[in-house]
Amino acid sequence: MEELQLLGVALGFASLAGLNLYLTVFVTGLAVQQQWITLAPQYQQLDVLAHPALIAISGVLFTLQFFADKVPWVDSLSDAVHTLIKPIGGAFLALHVLGEADPVLEIIAALLAGGVTTLVHSAKAGTRLIANHSPEPFSNIALSVAEDATVIGGLALIYHDPVLALGVFALALAAIVYLAPKLWRAVKVHLWLVWKKLLTPPADEAEARLATQLPPDLHVIFHQANLLGEKIAWAAPCVSGGGKKVARNTFGYLVATIEDPTSLWFVAKRRWRSIAEELDLQTYKVVHEAKFLSEQVVLYSLERNPKYVFLFNRAQTALVKKLVAELQTRLALRPAPAATLPA
């Protein structure tokens, strides 16, 4: 049981350091110094956190981070700086929980603790980057407050029941690992949008042209799914923003065909999976929405069909306007719905 308790405390400190290292050190040190908690004999190594210098430094750094975390993009810059600092801090805390051990075990524990801290920090940083897609600061403030509350609550749980804390933190880490691929795809899309916004100048309207061919690998995927052999009218590179049967944050192409003006294809390839989904636009309308980082083409229906969103970078404004105009022209060719005769 004592080994499980030690593991729960070590894993807990490593995890909480990934959320907020300075708050973890400050609250723990202050609690020990003010005798709000009494350390069990096996945790006496944590007495070092009660040193006045450590409390003062961690308190000042936490205060600075407290305000930085509330400002969009400043929080992401802070996360980038702490990508190297937090794993070292998480490993330091875990080693002081475990106390003196075999040097080989200490190195293994330091690597594992640093890995846990890095995993939690990466999840936090990725979530913050996604939240920064919206320029309003309220989501950043809410996330920051929730993170700080989680740290304080996690420390209280560690103190009262280390074994329960072990189970809770293990489940949390498992959830992060499970969601990591989706989070990574979202982060990759947001970094791409930021990169394009900062470094790519907007294209001139005269140069905006819709391509008439797909890349070779997607060309094969499209024609394997297009059983009627319809010819491509135009194809536009984009990122899926969600919709039924269309996975979010997937780089691909919107494809229109010459023969059918009321349908649109999304064609993509993600790892080993080929994607070719045909969207029936019989009841849909199309709008162009300009966002902080992206230009969005939104397809919606008044008949409660699923809404589809496709993202383009800000340098493609002229292309998006042309694409939306083309879609509106095509949808205007739809046959009018048949009138219903009274009974």
C-alpha atoms as a PDB file:
ATOM      1  CA  MET A   1       0.000   0.000   0.000  1.00  0.00           C
ATOM      2  CA  GLU A   2       2.849   2.362   0.826  1.00  0.00           C
ATOM      3  CA  GLU A   3       4.299   1.865  -2.667  1.00  0.00           C
ATOM      4  CA  LEU A   4       0.918   2.756  -4.234  1.00  0.00           C
ATOM      5  CA  GLN A   5       0.732   5.874  -2.100  1.00  0.00           C
ATOM      6  CA  LEU A   6       4.223   6.960  -3.150  1.00  0.00           C
ATOM      7  CA  LEU A   7       3.360   6.324  -6.797  1.00  0.00           C
ATOM      8  CA  GLY A   8       0.095   8.274  -6.461  1.00  0.00           C
ATOM      9  CA  VAL A   9       1.883  11.292  -4.967  1.00  0.00           C
ATOM     10  CA  ALA A  10       4.690  11.184  -7.536  1.00  0.00           C
ATOM     11  CA  LEU A  11       2.303  10.786 -10.478  1.00  0.00           C
ATOM     12  CA  GLY A  12       0.063  13.515  -9.076  1.00  0.00           C
ATOM     13  CA  PHE A  13       2.872  16.052  -8.734  1.00  0.00           C
ATOM     14  CA  ALA A  14       4.201  15.246 -12.210  1.00  0.00           C
ATOM     15  CA  SER A  15       0.728  15.673 -13.726  1.00  0.00           C
ATOM     16  CA  LEU A  16      -0.114  18.900 -11.892  1.00  0.00           C
ATOM     17  CA  ALA A  17       3.267  20.367 -12.820  1.00  0.00           C
ATOM     18  CA  GLY A  18       2.194  19.998 -16.448  1.00  0.00           C
ATOM     19  CA  LEU A  19      -0.791  22.258 -15.763  1.00  0.00           C
ATOM     20  CA  ASN A  20       0.890  24.836 -13.543  1.00  0.00           C
ATOM     21  CA  LEU A  21       4.336  24.100 -12.122  1.00  0.00           C
ATOM     22  CA  TYR A  22       4.648  27.309 -10.125  1.00  0.00           C
ATOM     23  CA  LEU A  23       1.264  26.988  -8.446  1.00  0.00           C
ATOM     24  CA  THR A  24       2.009  23.358  -7.538  1.00  0.00           C
ATOM     25  CA  VAL A  25       5.310  24.312  -5.868  1.00  0.00           C
ATOM     26  CA  PHE A  26       3.901  27.463  -4.228  1.00  0.00           C
ATOM     27  CA  VAL A  27       0.802  25.862  -2.686  1.00  0.00           C
ATOM     28  CA  THR A  28       2.683  22.764  -1.505  1.00  0.00           C
ATOM     29  CA  GLY A  29       5.528  24.786   0.012  1.00  0.00           C
ATOM     30  CA  LEU A  30       3.203  27.253   1.693  1.00  0.00           C
ATOM     31  CA  ALA A  31       1.039  24.452   3.104  1.00  0.00           C
ATOM     32  CA  VAL A  32       4.093  22.745   4.603  1.00  0.00           C
ATOM     33  CA  GLN A  33       5.581  25.971   5.974  1.00  0.00           C
ATOM     34  CA  GLN A  34       2.324  27.125   7.553  1.00  0.00           C
ATOM     35  CA  GLN A  35       1.699  23.601   8.885  1.00  0.00           C
ATOM     36  CA  TRP A  36      -1.633  23.350   7.113  1.00  0.00           C
ATOM     37  CA  ILE A  37      -0.546  19.801   6.339  1.00  0.00           C
ATOM     38  CA  THR A  38       1.767  17.400   8.129  1.00  0.00           C
ATOM     39  CA  LEU A  39       4.077  15.393   5.916  1.00  0.00           C
ATOM     40  CA  ALA A  40       4.193  11.657   6.552  1.00  0.00           C
ATOM     41  CA  PRO A  41       7.700  10.284   7.224  1.00  0.00           C
ATOM     42  CA  GLN A  42       8.048   8.904   3.680  1.00  0.00           C
ATOM     43  CA  TYR A  43       7.427  12.375   2.208  1.00  0.00           C
ATOM     44  CA  GLN A  44       9.903  14.349   4.338  1.00  0.00           C
ATOM     45  CA  GLN A  45      11.961  15.083   1.211  1.00  0.00           C
ATOM     46  CA  LEU A  46       9.232  17.590   0.252  1.00  0.00           C
ATOM     47  CA  ASP A  47      10.323  19.818   3.161  1.00  0.00           C
ATOM     48  CA  VAL A  48      12.612  21.551   0.682  1.00  0.00           C
ATOM     49  CA  LEU A  49       9.547  23.175  -0.932  1.00  0.00           C
ATOM     50  CA  ALA A  50       8.874  25.047   2.321  1.00  0.00           C
ATOM     51  CA  HIS A  51      12.084  27.055   1.981  1.00  0.00           C
ATOM     52  CA  PRO A  52      11.197  30.789   1.964  1.00  0.00           C
ATOM     53  CA  ALA A  53      13.216  31.413  -1.204  1.00  0.00           C
ATOM     54  CA  LEU A  54      11.352  28.699  -3.129  1.00  0.00           C
ATOM     55  CA  ILE A  55       7.983  29.969  -1.891  1.00  0.00           C
ATOM     56  CA  ALA A  56       8.840  33.551  -2.852  1.00  0.00           C
ATOM     57  CA  ILE A  57      10.191  32.691  -6.306  1.00  0.00           C
ATOM     58  CA  SER A  58       7.346  30.298  -7.179  1.00  0.00           C
ATOM     59  CA  GLY A  59       4.812  32.836  -5.900  1.00  0.00           C
ATOM     60  CA  VAL A  60       6.205  35.621  -8.091  1.00  0.00           C
ATOM     61  CA  LEU A  61       6.416  33.348 -11.145  1.00  0.00           C
ATOM     62  CA  PHE A  62       2.876  32.093 -10.549  1.00  0.00           C
ATOM     63  CA  THR A  63       1.616  35.665 -10.357  1.00  0.00           C
ATOM     64  CA  LEU A  64       3.244  36.505 -13.682  1.00  0.00           C
ATOM     65  CA  GLN A  65       1.872  33.362 -15.294  1.00  0.00           C
ATOM     66  CA  PHE A  66      -1.566  33.997 -13.765  1.00  0.00           C
ATOM     67  CA  PHE A  67      -1.916  37.188 -15.801  1.00  0.00           C
ATOM     68  CA  ALA A  68      -0.126  35.866 -18.902  1.00  0.00           C
ATOM     69  CA  ASP A  69      -2.512  32.900 -19.090  1.00  0.00           C
ATOM     70  CA  LYS A  70      -5.501  35.236 -19.375  1.00  0.00           C
ATOM     71  CA  VAL A  71      -4.301  36.959 -22.561  1.00  0.00           C
ATOM     72  CA  PRO A  72      -4.849  35.257 -25.948  1.00  0.00           C
ATOM     73  CA  TRP A  73      -1.619  34.285 -27.733  1.00  0.00           C
ATOM     74  CA  VAL A  74       0.474  35.461 -24.766  1.00  0.00           C
ATOM     75  CA  ASP A  75      -0.596  32.216 -23.075  1.00  0.00           C
ATOM     76  CA  SER A  76       0.606  30.194 -26.084  1.00  0.00           C
ATOM     77  CA  LEU A  77       3.941  32.033 -26.038  1.00  0.00           C
ATOM     78  CA  SER A  78       4.247  31.222 -22.332  1.00  0.00           C
ATOM     79  CA  ASP A  79       3.438  27.560 -23.048  1.00  0.00           C
ATOM     80  CA  ALA A  80       6.194  27.449 -25.675  1.00  0.00           C
ATOM     81  CA  VAL A  81       8.736  28.802 -23.177  1.00  0.00           C
ATOM     82  CA  HIS A  82       7.649  26.320 -20.495  1.00  0.00           C
ATOM     83  CA  THR A  83       7.911  23.302 -22.792  1.00  0.00           C
ATOM     84  CA  LEU A  84      11.465  22.807 -21.490  1.00  0.00           C
ATOM     85  CA  ILE A  85      10.944  24.091 -17.946  1.00  0.00           C
ATOM     86  CA  LYS A  86       7.956  22.035 -16.869  1.00  0.00           C
ATOM     87  CA  PRO A  87       9.325  18.528 -17.551  1.00  0.00           C
ATOM     88  CA  ILE A  88      12.417  19.348 -15.472  1.00  0.00           C
ATOM     89  CA  GLY A  89      10.213  20.640 -12.651  1.00  0.00           C
ATOM     90  CA  GLY A  90       7.915  17.616 -12.839  1.00  0.00           C
ATOM     91  CA  ALA A  91      10.876  15.232 -12.679  1.00  0.00           C
ATOM     92  CA  PHE A  92      12.328  17.177  -9.722  1.00  0.00           C
ATOM     93  CA  LEU A  93       9.086  16.929  -7.742  1.00  0.00           C
ATOM     94  CA  ALA A  94       8.646  13.214  -8.472  1.00  0.00           C
ATOM     95  CA  LEU A  95      12.207  12.401  -7.407  1.00  0.00           C
ATOM     96  CA  HIS A  96      11.774  14.260  -4.109  1.00  0.00           C
ATOM     97  CA  VAL A  97       8.590  12.280  -3.452  1.00  0.00           C
ATOM     98  CA  LEU A  98      10.349   8.965  -4.028  1.00  0.00           C
ATOM     99  CA  GLY A  99      13.358   9.928  -1.869  1.00  0.00           C
ATOM    100  CA  GLU A 100      16.663   8.088  -2.041  1.00  0.00           C
ATOM    101  CA  ALA A 101      16.656   5.160  -4.442  1.00  0.00           C
ATOM    102  CA  ASP A 102      18.906   3.191  -6.732  1.00  0.00           C
ATOM    103  CA  PRO A 103      20.479   5.563  -9.330  1.00  0.00           C
ATOM    104  CA  VAL A 104      19.047   3.520 -12.191  1.00  0.00           C
ATOM    105  CA  LEU A 105      15.559   3.734 -10.690  1.00  0.00           C
ATOM    106  CA  GLU A 106      16.012   7.465 -10.161  1.00  0.00           C
ATOM    107  CA  ILE A 107      16.815   7.970 -13.838  1.00  0.00           C
ATOM    108  CA  ILE A 108      13.846   5.836 -14.894  1.00  0.00           C
ATOM    109  CA  ALA A 109      11.555   7.740 -12.505  1.00  0.00           C
ATOM    110  CA  ALA A 110      12.847  11.093 -13.776  1.00  0.00           C
ATOM    111  CA  LEU A 111      12.230  10.099 -17.406  1.00  0.00           C
ATOM    112  CA  LEU A 112       8.731   8.814 -16.673  1.00  0.00           C
ATOM    113  CA  ALA A 113       7.802  11.837 -14.566  1.00  0.00           C
ATOM    114  CA  GLY A 114       9.173  14.210 -17.193  1.00  0.00           C
ATOM    115  CA  GLY A 115       7.187  12.343 -19.844  1.00  0.00           C
ATOM    116  CA  VAL A 116       3.972  12.633 -17.826  1.00  0.00           C
ATOM    117  CA  THR A 117       4.536  16.356 -17.279  1.00  0.00           C
ATOM    118  CA  THR A 118       5.257  16.848 -20.987  1.00  0.00           C
ATOM    119  CA  LEU A 119       2.090  14.949 -21.949  1.00  0.00           C
ATOM    120  CA  VAL A 120      -0.133  17.057 -19.690  1.00  0.00           C
ATOM    121  CA  HIS A 121       1.595  20.284 -20.712  1.00  0.00           C
ATOM    122  CA  SER A 122       1.179  19.424 -24.414  1.00  0.00           C
ATOM    123  CA  ALA A 123      -2.539  18.790 -23.932  1.00  0.00           C
ATOM    124  CA  LYS A 124      -2.891  22.103 -22.104  1.00  0.00           C
ATOM    125  CA  ALA A 125      -0.883  24.032 -24.712  1.00  0.00           C
ATOM    126  CA  GLY A 126      -2.841  22.473 -27.576  1.00  0.00           C
ATOM    127  CA  THR A 127      -6.162  23.314 -25.940  1.00  0.00           C
ATOM    128  CA  ARG A 128      -5.031  26.911 -25.406  1.00  0.00           C
ATOM    129  CA  LEU A 129      -3.921  27.229 -29.025  1.00  0.00           C
ATOM    130  CA  ILE A 130      -7.338  26.065 -30.224  1.00  0.00           C
ATOM    131  CA  ALA A 131      -9.080  28.479 -27.834  1.00  0.00           C
ATOM    132  CA  ASN A 132      -7.037  31.324 -29.331  1.00  0.00           C
ATOM    133  CA  HIS A 133      -8.830  30.768 -32.646  1.00  0.00           C
ATOM    134  CA  SER A 134     -11.473  33.068 -31.184  1.00  0.00           C
ATOM    135  CA  PRO A 135     -10.061  36.514 -30.323  1.00  0.00           C
ATOM    136  CA  GLU A 136     -12.361  37.019 -27.323  1.00  0.00           C
ATOM    137  CA  PRO A 137     -10.499  36.532 -23.998  1.00  0.00           C
ATOM    138  CA  PHE A 138     -13.270  34.826 -22.006  1.00  0.00           C
ATOM    139  CA  SER A 139     -12.400  31.279 -23.054  1.00  0.00           C
ATOM    140  CA  ASN A 140      -8.767  31.858 -22.048  1.00  0.00           C
ATOM    141  CA  ILE A 141      -9.806  33.204 -18.666  1.00  0.00           C
ATOM    142  CA  ALA A 142     -12.175  30.281 -18.071  1.00  0.00           C
ATOM    143  CA  LEU A 143      -9.501  27.730 -19.041  1.00  0.00           C
ATOM    144  CA  SER A 144      -6.887  29.404 -16.843  1.00  0.00           C
ATOM    145  CA  VAL A 145      -9.164  29.480 -13.810  1.00  0.00           C
ATOM    146  CA  ALA A 146     -10.171  25.840 -14.393  1.00  0.00           C
ATOM    147  CA  GLU A 147      -6.506  24.787 -14.595  1.00  0.00           C
ATOM    148  CA  ASP A 148      -5.627  26.561 -11.345  1.00  0.00           C
ATOM    149  CA  ALA A 149      -8.655  25.050  -9.609  1.00  0.00           C
ATOM    150  CA  THR A 150      -7.642  21.606 -10.864  1.00  0.00           C
ATOM    151  CA  VAL A 151      -4.148  22.038  -9.405  1.00  0.00           C
ATOM    152  CA  ILE A 152      -5.477  23.027  -5.985  1.00  0.00           C
ATOM    153  CA  GLY A 153      -8.088  20.265  -6.027  1.00  0.00           C
ATOM    154  CA  GLY A 154      -5.510  17.723  -7.181  1.00  0.00           C
ATOM    155  CA  LEU A 155      -3.129  18.667  -4.364  1.00  0.00           C
ATOM    156  CA  ALA A 156      -5.942  18.283  -1.832  1.00  0.00           C
ATOM    157  CA  LEU A 157      -6.797  14.845  -3.257  1.00  0.00           C
ATOM    158  CA  ILE A 158      -3.148  13.766  -3.102  1.00  0.00           C
ATOM    159  CA  TYR A 159      -2.953  14.749   0.555  1.00  0.00           C
ATOM    160  CA  HIS A 160      -6.205  13.080   1.637  1.00  0.00           C
ATOM    161  CA  ASP A 161      -6.049   9.858  -0.438  1.00  0.00           C
ATOM    162  CA  PRO A 162      -2.911   9.165  -2.520  1.00  0.00           C
ATOM    163  CA  VAL A 163      -4.240   5.802  -3.757  1.00  0.00           C
ATOM    164  CA  LEU A 164      -7.456   7.375  -5.055  1.00  0.00           C
ATOM    165  CA  ALA A 165      -5.342  10.142  -6.588  1.00  0.00           C
ATOM    166  CA  LEU A 166      -3.323   7.474  -8.399  1.00  0.00           C
ATOM    167  CA  GLY A 167      -6.489   6.124 -10.016  1.00  0.00           C
ATOM    168  CA  VAL A 168      -7.815   9.571 -10.917  1.00  0.00           C
ATOM    169  CA  PHE A 169      -4.563  10.774 -12.479  1.00  0.00           C
ATOM    170  CA  ALA A 170      -4.086   7.472 -14.332  1.00  0.00           C
ATOM    171  CA  LEU A 171      -7.559   7.810 -15.865  1.00  0.00           C
ATOM    172  CA  ALA A 172      -6.875  11.426 -16.795  1.00  0.00           C
ATOM    173  CA  LEU A 173      -3.638  10.481 -18.517  1.00  0.00           C
ATOM    174  CA  ALA A 174      -5.360   7.632 -20.353  1.00  0.00           C
ATOM    175  CA  ALA A 175      -7.998  10.091 -21.601  1.00  0.00           C
ATOM    176  CA  ILE A 176      -5.285  12.473 -22.817  1.00  0.00           C
ATOM    177  CA  VAL A 177      -3.541   9.652 -24.695  1.00  0.00           C
ATOM    178  CA  TYR A 178      -6.856   8.566 -26.249  1.00  0.00           C
ATOM    179  CA  LEU A 179      -7.706  12.096 -27.390  1.00  0.00           C
ATOM    180  CA  ALA A 180      -4.151  12.965 -28.430  1.00  0.00           C
ATOM    181  CA  PRO A 181      -4.586  12.192 -32.185  1.00  0.00           C
ATOM    182  CA  LYS A 182      -7.662  14.446 -32.447  1.00  0.00           C
ATOM    183  CA  LEU A 183      -5.970  17.186 -30.454  1.00  0.00           C
ATOM    184  CA  TRP A 184      -2.832  16.929 -32.593  1.00  0.00           C
ATOM    185  CA  ARG A 185      -4.829  17.279 -35.815  1.00  0.00           C
ATOM    186  CA  ALA A 186      -6.587  20.365 -34.439  1.00  0.00           C
ATOM    187  CA  VAL A 187      -3.286  21.880 -33.301  1.00  0.00           C
ATOM    188  CA  LYS A 188      -1.681  21.168 -36.699  1.00  0.00           C
ATOM    189  CA  VAL A 189      -4.531  22.946 -38.484  1.00  0.00           C
ATOM    190  CA  HIS A 190      -4.346  25.961 -36.166  1.00  0.00           C
ATOM    191  CA  LEU A 191      -0.571  26.246 -36.541  1.00  0.00           C
ATOM    192  CA  TRP A 192      -1.003  26.079 -40.319  1.00  0.00           C
ATOM    193  CA  LEU A 193      -3.626  28.843 -40.205  1.00  0.00           C
ATOM    194  CA  VAL A 194      -1.406  31.013 -37.987  1.00  0.00           C
ATOM    195  CA  TRP A 195       1.580  30.439 -40.281  1.00  0.00           C
ATOM    196  CA  LYS A 196      -0.410  31.373 -43.381  1.00  0.00           C
ATOM    197  CA  LYS A 197      -1.916  34.453 -41.719  1.00  0.00           C
ATOM    198  CA  LEU A 198       1.471  35.785 -40.635  1.00  0.00           C
ATOM    199  CA  LEU A 199       3.667  34.919 -43.610  1.00  0.00           C
ATOM    200  CA  THR A 200       1.502  34.539 -46.716  1.00  0.00           C
ATOM    201  CA  PRO A 201       0.257  37.699 -48.440  1.00  0.00           C
ATOM    202  CA  PRO A 202      -3.347  37.668 -49.713  1.00  0.00           C
ATOM    203  CA  ALA A 203      -3.684  36.554 -53.319  1.00  0.00           C
ATOM    204  CA  ASP A 204      -4.901  39.055 -55.880  1.00  0.00           C
ATOM    205  CA  GLU A 205      -8.469  38.532 -57.129  1.00  0.00           C
ATOM    206  CA  ALA A 206      -7.228  38.353 -60.710  1.00  0.00           C
ATOM    207  CA  GLU A 207      -4.920  35.477 -59.739  1.00  0.00           C
ATOM    208  CA  ALA A 208      -7.591  33.512 -57.865  1.00  0.00           C
ATOM    209  CA  ARG A 209      -8.404  30.486 -59.980  1.00  0.00           C
ATOM    210  CA  LEU A 210     -10.074  27.230 -59.094  1.00  0.00           C
ATOM    211  CA  ALA A 211      -8.007  24.232 -60.140  1.00  0.00           C
ATOM    212  CA  THR A 212      -9.504  21.648 -62.480  1.00  0.00           C
ATOM    213  CA  GLN A 213      -7.366  18.716 -61.339  1.00  0.00           C
ATOM    214  CA  LEU A 214      -6.688  16.876 -58.106  1.00  0.00           C
ATOM    215  CA  PRO A 215      -3.249  15.730 -56.920  1.00  0.00           C
ATOM    216  CA  PRO A 216      -2.525  12.249 -58.330  1.00  0.00           C
ATOM    217  CA  ASP A 217      -3.174  10.319 -55.102  1.00  0.00           C
ATOM    218  CA  LEU A 218      -6.500  12.071 -54.500  1.00  0.00           C
ATOM    219  CA  HIS A 219      -7.411  11.771 -58.176  1.00  0.00           C
ATOM    220  CA  VAL A 220      -7.321   7.983 -57.795  1.00  0.00           C
ATOM    221  CA  ILE A 221      -9.403   8.078 -54.619  1.00  0.00           C
ATOM    222  CA  PHE A 222     -12.035  10.323 -56.207  1.00  0.00           C
ATOM    223  CA  HIS A 223     -12.469   8.257 -59.356  1.00  0.00           C
ATOM    224  CA  GLN A 224     -12.661   5.022 -57.381  1.00  0.00           C
ATOM    225  CA  ALA A 225     -15.605   6.483 -55.425  1.00  0.00           C
ATOM    226  CA  ASN A 226     -17.152   8.332 -58.389  1.00  0.00           C
ATOM    227  CA  LEU A 227     -18.852   5.321 -59.976  1.00  0.00           C
ATOM    228  CA  LEU A 228     -20.677   7.413 -62.592  1.00  0.00           C
ATOM    229  CA  GLY A 229     -17.411   8.754 -63.954  1.00  0.00           C
ATOM    230  CA  GLU A 230     -18.362  12.421 -63.577  1.00  0.00           C
ATOM    231  CA  LYS A 231     -15.732  14.928 -64.690  1.00  0.00           C
ATOM    232  CA  ILE A 232     -14.204  17.470 -62.329  1.00  0.00           C
ATOM    233  CA  ALA A 233     -15.431  21.038 -62.806  1.00  0.00           C
ATOM    234  CA  TRP A 234     -13.095  22.473 -60.148  1.00  0.00           C
ATOM    235  CA  ALA A 235     -11.231  21.450 -57.010  1.00  0.00           C
ATOM    236  CA  ALA A 236     -10.177  23.636 -54.072  1.00  0.00           C
ATOM    237  CA  PRO A 237      -7.769  22.716 -51.233  1.00  0.00           C
ATOM    238  CA  CYS A 238      -9.258  23.185 -47.769  1.00  0.00           C
ATOM    239  CA  VAL A 239      -9.586  21.735 -44.272  1.00  0.00           C
ATOM    240  CA  SER A 240     -12.775  20.110 -43.043  1.00  0.00           C
ATOM    241  CA  GLY A 241     -14.358  21.887 -40.096  1.00  0.00           C
ATOM    242  CA  GLY A 242     -16.964  19.272 -39.296  1.00  0.00           C
ATOM    243  CA  GLY A 243     -20.120  17.679 -40.590  1.00  0.00           C
ATOM    244  CA  LYS A 244     -21.760  14.264 -40.861  1.00  0.00           C
ATOM    245  CA  LYS A 245     -19.340  11.639 -42.249  1.00  0.00           C
ATOM    246  CA  VAL A 246     -16.651  14.317 -42.690  1.00  0.00           C
ATOM    247  CA  ALA A 247     -13.956  14.143 -40.009  1.00  0.00           C
ATOM    248  CA  ARG A 248     -12.799  17.415 -38.498  1.00  0.00           C
ATOM    249  CA  ASN A 249      -9.378  18.924 -39.145  1.00  0.00           C
ATOM    250  CA  THR A 250      -8.606  16.878 -42.242  1.00  0.00           C
ATOM    251  CA  PHE A 251      -6.655  18.432 -45.119  1.00  0.00           C
ATOM    252  CA  GLY A 252      -8.335  17.665 -48.423  1.00  0.00           C
ATOM    253  CA  TYR A 253     -10.149  19.095 -51.448  1.00  0.00           C
ATOM    254  CA  LEU A 254     -13.672  20.258 -52.228  1.00  0.00           C
ATOM    255  CA  VAL A 255     -14.581  18.902 -55.645  1.00  0.00           C
ATOM    256  CA  ALA A 256     -17.462  19.892 -57.919  1.00  0.00           C
ATOM    257  CA  THR A 257     -18.421  17.900 -61.009  1.00  0.00           C
ATOM    258  CA  ILE A 258     -19.668  19.091 -64.371  1.00  0.00           C
ATOM    259  CA  GLU A 259     -22.610  16.681 -64.588  1.00  0.00           C
ATOM    260  CA  ASP A 260     -24.222  17.266 -61.156  1.00  0.00           C
ATOM    261  CA  PRO A 261     -24.514  20.887 -59.922  1.00  0.00           C
ATOM    262  CA  THR A 262     -26.298  19.874 -56.721  1.00  0.00           C
ATOM    263  CA  SER A 263     -23.543  17.737 -55.242  1.00  0.00           C
ATOM    264  CA  LEU A 264     -20.121  18.422 -53.817  1.00  0.00           C
ATOM    265  CA  TRP A 265     -17.361  16.004 -52.862  1.00  0.00           C
ATOM    266  CA  PHE A 266     -14.810  16.163 -50.078  1.00  0.00           C
ATOM    267  CA  VAL A 267     -11.757  14.085 -50.982  1.00  0.00           C
ATOM    268  CA  ALA A 268      -8.834  13.492 -48.626  1.00  0.00           C
ATOM    269  CA  LYS A 269      -6.272  10.977 -47.468  1.00  0.00           C
ATOM    270  CA  ARG A 270      -5.386  10.596 -43.799  1.00  0.00           C
ATOM    271  CA  ARG A 271      -2.658   8.078 -43.068  1.00  0.00           C
ATOM    272  CA  TRP A 272      -3.970   4.757 -44.355  1.00  0.00           C
ATOM    273  CA  ARG A 273      -7.574   5.934 -44.733  1.00  0.00           C
ATOM    274  CA  SER A 274      -9.023   7.256 -47.986  1.00  0.00           C
ATOM    275  CA  ILE A 275     -11.929   9.707 -47.754  1.00  0.00           C
ATOM    276  CA  ALA A 276     -14.347  10.495 -50.576  1.00  0.00           C
ATOM    277  CA  GLU A 277     -17.706  11.763 -49.322  1.00  0.00           C
ATOM    278  CA  GLU A 278     -20.425  13.090 -51.604  1.00  0.00           C
ATOM    279  CA  LEU A 279     -22.560  15.880 -50.123  1.00  0.00           C
ATOM    280  CA  ASP A 280     -26.069  16.243 -51.494  1.00  0.00           C
ATOM    281  CA  LEU A 281     -26.824  19.984 -51.627  1.00  0.00           C
ATOM    282  CA  GLN A 282     -30.453  19.786 -52.771  1.00  0.00           C
ATOM    283  CA  THR A 283     -31.695  21.745 -49.724  1.00  0.00           C
ATOM    284  CA  TYR A 284     -28.521  23.646 -48.846  1.00  0.00           C
ATOM    285  CA  LYS A 285     -27.404  27.248 -48.933  1.00  0.00           C
ATOM    286  CA  VAL A 286     -23.809  28.460 -48.919  1.00  0.00           C
ATOM    287  CA  VAL A 287     -22.297  31.438 -47.095  1.00  0.00           C
ATOM    288  CA  HIS A 288     -18.816  32.866 -46.660  1.00  0.00           C
ATOM    289  CA  GLU A 289     -17.727  33.728 -43.111  1.00  0.00           C
ATOM    290  CA  ALA A 290     -14.470  35.535 -42.352  1.00  0.00           C
ATOM    291  CA  LYS A 291     -12.952  34.520 -39.014  1.00  0.00           C
ATOM    292  CA  PHE A 292      -9.866  35.661 -37.103  1.00  0.00           C
ATOM    293  CA  LEU A 293      -7.581  32.985 -38.559  1.00  0.00           C
ATOM    294  CA  SER A 294      -9.555  31.484 -41.421  1.00  0.00           C
ATOM    295  CA  GLU A 295     -12.009  31.992 -44.232  1.00  0.00           C
ATOM    296  CA  GLN A 296     -14.934  29.589 -43.845  1.00  0.00           C
ATOM    297  CA  VAL A 297     -17.331  28.165 -46.398  1.00  0.00           C
ATOM    298  CA  VAL A 298     -20.465  27.123 -44.521  1.00  0.00           C
ATOM    299  CA  LEU A 299     -23.107  24.850 -46.045  1.00  0.00           C
ATOM    300  CA  TYR A 300     -26.358  24.758 -44.108  1.00  0.00           C
ATOM    301  CA  SER A 301     -29.873  23.517 -44.678  1.00  0.00           C
ATOM    302  CA  LEU A 302     -33.212  24.766 -43.363  1.00  0.00           C
ATOM    303  CA  GLU A 303     -34.395  21.151 -43.103  1.00  0.00           C
ATOM    304  CA  ARG A 304     -32.171  20.319 -40.109  1.00  0.00           C
ATOM    305  CA  ASN A 305     -29.673  18.451 -42.209  1.00  0.00           C
ATOM    306  CA  PRO A 306     -26.099  18.497 -40.890  1.00  0.00           C
ATOM    307  CA  LYS A 307     -24.127  21.702 -41.359  1.00  0.00           C
ATOM    308  CA  TYR A 308     -20.769  21.459 -43.131  1.00  0.00           C
ATOM    309  CA  VAL A 309     -17.867  23.837 -42.553  1.00  0.00           C
ATOM    310  CA  PHE A 310     -14.692  24.023 -44.634  1.00  0.00           C
ATOM    311  CA  LEU A 311     -11.701  26.171 -43.669  1.00  0.00           C
ATOM    312  CA  PHE A 312      -9.350  28.135 -45.915  1.00  0.00           C
ATOM    313  CA  ASN A 313      -6.397  30.253 -44.834  1.00  0.00           C
ATOM    314  CA  ARG A 314      -6.687  34.034 -44.801  1.00  0.00           C
ATOM    315  CA  ALA A 315      -4.500  34.378 -47.895  1.00  0.00           C
ATOM    316  CA  GLN A 316      -7.211  32.601 -49.914  1.00  0.00           C
ATOM    317  CA  THR A 317      -9.933  35.225 -49.459  1.00  0.00           C
ATOM    318  CA  ALA A 318     -10.254  35.918 -53.184  1.00  0.00           C
ATOM    319  CA  LEU A 319     -10.363  32.188 -53.959  1.00  0.00           C
ATOM    320  CA  VAL A 320     -13.064  31.612 -51.346  1.00  0.00           C
ATOM    321  CA  LYS A 321     -15.195  34.419 -52.736  1.00  0.00           C
ATOM    322  CA  LYS A 322     -14.934  32.894 -56.199  1.00  0.00           C
ATOM    323  CA  LEU A 323     -15.713  29.416 -54.856  1.00  0.00           C
ATOM    324  CA  VAL A 324     -18.806  30.640 -52.998  1.00  0.00           C
ATOM    325  CA  ALA A 325     -20.011  32.509 -56.099  1.00  0.00           C
ATOM    326  CA  GLU A 326     -19.564  29.325 -58.157  1.00  0.00           C
ATOM    327  CA  LEU A 327     -21.518  27.291 -55.604  1.00  0.00           C
ATOM    328  CA  GLN A 328     -24.311  29.844 -55.456  1.00  0.00           C
ATOM    329  CA  THR A 329     -24.556  29.771 -59.252  1.00  0.00           C
ATOM    330  CA  ARG A 330     -24.681  25.976 -59.282  1.00  0.00           C
ATOM    331  CA  LEU A 331     -27.299  25.807 -56.518  1.00  0.00           C
ATOM    332  CA  ALA A 332     -29.445  28.316 -58.392  1.00  0.00           C
ATOM    333  CA  LEU A 333     -29.785  25.700 -61.160  1.00  0.00           C
ATOM    334  CA  ARG A 334     -31.613  23.296 -58.841  1.00  0.00           C
ATOM    335  CA  PRO A 335     -35.100  22.376 -60.016  1.00  0.00           C
ATOM    336  CA  ALA A 336     -37.846  23.977 -57.998  1.00  0.00           C
ATOM    337  CA  PRO A 337     -39.589  21.605 -55.546  1.00  0.00           C
ATOM    338  CA  ALA A 338     -42.816  20.147 -56.896  1.00  0.00           C
ATOM    339  CA  ALA A 339     -45.965  21.820 -55.588  1.00  0.00           C
ATOM    340  CA  THR A 340     -48.133  19.742 -53.280  1.00  0.00           C
ATOM    341  CA  LEU A 341     -51.754  19.533 -54.413  1.00  0.00           C
ATOM    342  CA  PRO A 342     -54.492  19.865 -51.745  1.00  0.00           C
ATOM    343  CA  ALA A 343     -56.269  16.621 -50.835  1.00  0.00           C
END
